Amino acid sequence: MNAIPTLETERLILRPFSHDDAKEVQRLAGDFAVAETTLTIPHPYEDGMAEEWIGTHEKIFQAGTEIVFAITDKIEKYLIGAIGISQINTQFEKAEIGYWIGKPYWNKGYCTEAVQAVLKYCFENLKLNKVYAMHFTNNPPSGRVMEKAGMTKEGLLRQNVKKGGKFIDTPVYGILRSEFYDLILLTNSKLFE
C-alpha cells in the first residue's frame, strides 16, 4: 500500500495529518471567519470532529478518490491549514483542489505556495490533464490565490452551493497541464528543481 506523500516547498511541508493535529485543526477551522469561506467546515466546530475527519484520510487516499495534506511551517512545524485533491477522475484525467488557511496565517502567501506544490503533484505524479477549483463569491481572496497559481477563471456556477441557509455562487477556475508547464517556463520558476 502506498502512503500519503509529503511535499516540500520553500517555506512549507505538506504532509499527512496525524491525530496529534486534531486540537489545532479544531482551533483554526473552528474560527467562524474560516468556516464561512468553505463548504465543508461546520460552525461551531465541535469536539471530536477533527479526529473523525483526520480518520477518513487514509481510507479515501487508498480508494484513490482524495488526498488531504496538512499545510505546516517547514522550520517550526506548526499547522497553517489544509489542502486537498478531490474528485480525482482517472478516466478524464482531472481533479478538484480545495483548501483552507487558519486566520492567523492569511495574507502571507502560504496558500498560493501550497496550491502551486499540489498542482505540480497533480500533473507530475497523478498525470492529470486538468485541475479546477471553486470559491464562494464572498471570498475573493481565494480567487486571487487561484490566479496567482496560474489558474484561469472559466465561469460562474450560479447558486451552486447552499450554506447557512443561503445559496452561493461559485466562480470556477482551471489550469491544464500544458498551461502549467508553460507558466513554469515563462516565469523560470524553481518549482521543478
Protein backbone atom coordinates (compact mmCIF):
# COMPACT_ATOMS: atom_id res chain seq x y z
CA MET A 1 0.00 0.00 0.00
CA ASN A 2 1.20 3.48 -0.83
CA ALA A 3 1.34 6.13 1.86
CA ILE A 4 0.05 9.68 1.60
CA PRO A 5 3.01 11.61 0.20
CA THR A 6 4.82 14.57 1.72
CA LEU A 7 5.52 17.64 -0.44
CA GLU A 8 8.04 20.36 0.28
CA THR A 9 8.20 24.00 -0.83
CA GLU A 10 10.44 26.90 0.08
CA ARG A 11 8.58 27.60 3.35
CA LEU A 12 6.17 24.70 3.78
CA ILE A 13 5.83 20.99 4.34
CA LEU A 14 2.61 19.44 3.06
CA ARG A 15 2.21 16.16 4.91
CA PRO A 16 -0.43 13.70 6.06
CA PHE A 17 -2.47 14.80 9.07
CA SER A 18 -1.99 12.91 12.33
CA HIS A 19 -4.35 12.70 15.28
CA ASP A 20 -1.89 14.96 17.12
CA ASP A 21 -3.09 17.76 14.80
CA ALA A 22 -6.73 17.48 15.90
CA LYS A 23 -6.76 20.20 18.59
CA GLU A 24 -5.08 22.71 16.29
CA VAL A 25 -7.42 21.79 13.41
CA GLN A 26 -10.36 22.46 15.74
CA ARG A 27 -8.87 25.81 16.81
CA LEU A 28 -8.05 27.04 13.30
CA ALA A 29 -11.01 25.61 11.37
CA GLY A 30 -13.35 26.47 14.22
CA ASP A 31 -12.88 30.18 13.58
CA PHE A 32 -16.11 31.46 12.01
CA ALA A 33 -14.09 33.53 9.51
CA VAL A 34 -12.57 30.29 8.16
CA ALA A 35 -15.78 28.25 8.29
CA GLU A 36 -17.81 30.83 6.36
CA THR A 37 -15.42 30.61 3.38
CA THR A 38 -15.68 26.84 2.91
CA LEU A 39 -18.46 24.42 2.12
CA THR A 40 -17.32 21.53 4.30
CA ILE A 41 -16.20 23.18 7.55
CA PRO A 42 -19.05 23.34 10.07
CA HIS A 43 -19.53 26.03 12.68
CA PRO A 44 -19.37 25.50 15.55
CA TYR A 45 -16.53 23.01 15.12
CA GLU A 46 -17.27 20.60 17.93
CA ASP A 47 -15.06 18.23 19.93
CA GLY A 48 -14.31 15.03 18.04
CA MET A 49 -14.95 16.46 14.56
CA ALA A 50 -11.26 16.93 13.77
CA GLU A 51 -10.39 13.39 14.90
CA GLU A 52 -13.23 11.99 12.79
CA TRP A 53 -12.16 14.00 9.72
CA ILE A 54 -8.50 13.02 10.09
CA GLY A 55 -9.58 9.39 10.49
CA THR A 56 -11.03 9.39 6.95
CA HIS A 57 -7.85 10.48 5.16
CA GLU A 58 -6.10 7.13 4.78
CA LYS A 59 -9.24 5.38 3.52
CA ILE A 60 -10.00 7.98 0.84
CA PHE A 61 -6.35 8.02 -0.22
CA GLN A 62 -6.28 4.25 -0.62
CA ALA A 63 -9.56 4.43 -2.59
CA GLY A 64 -7.85 6.86 -4.98
CA THR A 65 -10.58 9.47 -4.64
CA GLU A 66 -8.95 12.15 -2.49
CA ILE A 67 -5.66 13.22 -0.94
CA VAL A 68 -5.57 15.60 2.04
CA PHE A 69 -2.42 17.39 3.18
CA ALA A 70 -1.69 19.36 6.33
CA ILE A 71 -0.01 22.65 5.45
CA THR A 72 2.76 23.19 8.00
CA ASP A 73 5.66 25.55 8.56
CA LYS A 74 8.86 23.99 7.23
CA ILE A 75 11.06 25.07 10.14
CA GLU A 76 8.82 25.28 13.18
CA LYS A 77 6.35 22.58 12.04
CA TYR A 78 3.19 24.36 13.23
CA LEU A 79 -0.10 23.78 11.39
CA ILE A 80 -1.20 26.52 8.99
CA GLY A 81 -4.17 24.89 7.23
CA ALA A 82 -5.17 22.12 4.85
CA ILE A 83 -5.21 21.49 1.12
CA GLY A 84 -6.78 18.59 -0.68
CA ILE A 85 -7.20 17.00 -4.06
CA SER A 86 -10.71 15.61 -4.56
CA GLN A 87 -12.97 14.35 -7.33
CA ILE A 88 -9.94 12.53 -8.76
CA ASN A 89 -11.11 11.15 -12.11
CA THR A 90 -8.53 8.99 -13.84
CA GLN A 91 -10.77 8.44 -16.89
CA PHE A 92 -10.94 12.15 -17.68
CA GLU A 93 -7.57 12.92 -16.02
CA LYS A 94 -8.87 15.74 -13.86
CA ALA A 95 -9.41 16.65 -10.21
CA GLU A 96 -10.53 19.48 -7.97
CA ILE A 97 -8.44 21.19 -5.32
CA GLY A 98 -9.69 22.90 -2.20
CA TYR A 99 -8.03 24.47 0.81
CA TRP A 100 -8.39 26.46 3.99
CA ILE A 101 -5.85 28.52 5.90
CA GLY A 102 -6.07 29.45 9.59
CA LYS A 103 -6.86 33.15 10.01
CA PRO A 104 -3.53 33.98 11.75
CA TYR A 105 -1.78 32.93 8.51
CA TRP A 106 -3.88 34.81 5.96
CA ASN A 107 -2.16 37.20 3.51
CA LYS A 108 1.28 35.62 3.85
CA GLY A 109 1.37 33.73 0.52
CA TYR A 110 1.17 30.30 2.17
CA CYS A 111 -1.94 29.27 0.28
CA THR A 112 -0.55 30.15 -3.15
CA GLU A 113 2.67 28.29 -2.33
CA ALA A 114 0.70 25.21 -1.26
CA VAL A 115 -1.56 25.34 -4.34
CA GLN A 116 1.46 25.50 -6.66
CA ALA A 117 3.01 22.45 -4.97
CA VAL A 118 -0.24 20.49 -5.23
CA LEU A 119 -0.65 21.44 -8.89
CA LYS A 120 2.85 20.15 -9.56
CA TYR A 121 1.97 16.90 -7.78
CA CYS A 122 -1.26 16.58 -9.77
CA PHE A 123 0.46 16.98 -13.12
CA GLU A 124 3.70 15.10 -12.39
CA ASN A 125 2.57 12.29 -10.11
CA LEU A 126 -1.13 11.82 -10.80
CA LYS A 127 -0.62 12.52 -14.53
CA LEU A 128 -3.73 14.70 -14.68
CA ASN A 129 -4.57 16.93 -17.62
CA LYS A 130 -6.72 19.45 -15.73
CA VAL A 131 -7.14 20.74 -12.20
CA TYR A 132 -10.00 23.01 -11.23
CA ALA A 133 -11.13 24.87 -8.11
CA MET A 134 -14.06 26.95 -6.92
CA HIS A 135 -14.58 29.61 -4.29
CA PHE A 136 -17.51 31.41 -2.74
CA THR A 137 -18.20 34.84 -4.22
CA ASN A 138 -17.92 36.28 -0.71
CA ASN A 139 -14.29 35.09 -0.60
CA PRO A 140 -12.46 36.91 -3.43
CA PRO A 141 -9.01 36.36 -1.84
CA SER A 142 -9.40 32.67 -2.68
CA GLY A 143 -9.89 33.57 -6.34
CA ARG A 144 -6.73 35.66 -6.20
CA VAL A 145 -4.84 32.62 -4.86
CA MET A 146 -6.06 30.61 -7.84
CA GLU A 147 -4.99 33.34 -10.27
CA LYS A 148 -1.55 33.68 -8.64
CA ALA A 149 -1.11 29.91 -9.00
CA GLY A 150 -1.73 30.26 -12.75
CA MET A 151 -5.37 29.20 -12.91
CA THR A 152 -7.83 30.88 -15.28
CA LYS A 153 -11.38 31.86 -14.41
CA GLU A 154 -13.61 29.66 -16.56
CA GLY A 155 -17.05 30.75 -15.44
CA LEU A 156 -19.57 31.19 -12.67
CA LEU A 157 -21.87 28.50 -11.30
CA ARG A 158 -24.91 30.40 -10.08
CA GLN A 159 -26.41 29.35 -6.74
CA ASN A 160 -24.13 26.31 -6.90
CA VAL A 161 -23.95 25.54 -3.17
CA LYS A 162 -26.03 26.19 -0.09
CA LYS A 163 -24.50 27.15 3.24
CA GLY A 164 -26.13 28.75 6.24
CA GLY A 165 -29.49 28.60 4.51
CA LYS A 166 -28.30 30.72 1.56
CA PHE A 167 -27.45 29.78 -1.99
CA ILE A 168 -23.98 30.92 -3.04
CA ASP A 169 -22.49 31.45 -6.49
CA THR A 170 -19.10 29.85 -7.10
CA PRO A 171 -16.61 31.12 -9.69
CA VAL A 172 -14.72 28.21 -11.29
CA TYR A 173 -11.02 28.31 -12.12
CA GLY A 174 -8.95 25.75 -14.01
CA ILE A 175 -5.50 25.02 -15.32
CA LEU A 176 -4.35 22.50 -17.90
CA ARG A 177 -1.12 20.55 -17.67
CA SER A 178 0.27 22.34 -20.76
CA GLU A 179 -0.57 25.74 -19.27
CA PHE A 180 1.15 24.83 -16.02
CA TYR A 181 4.36 23.79 -17.78
CA ASP A 182 4.23 26.90 -19.99
CA LEU A 183 3.87 29.05 -16.88
CA ILE A 184 6.90 27.39 -15.31
CA LEU A 185 8.96 28.08 -18.41
CA LEU A 186 7.76 31.68 -18.71
CA THR A 187 8.47 32.53 -15.09
CA ASN A 188 11.66 30.48 -14.76
CA SER A 189 10.07 29.02 -11.64
CA LYS A 190 12.12 26.77 -9.41
CA LEU A 191 9.12 24.51 -8.72
CA PHE A 192 10.70 21.71 -10.72
CA GLU A 193 14.20 21.82 -9.27
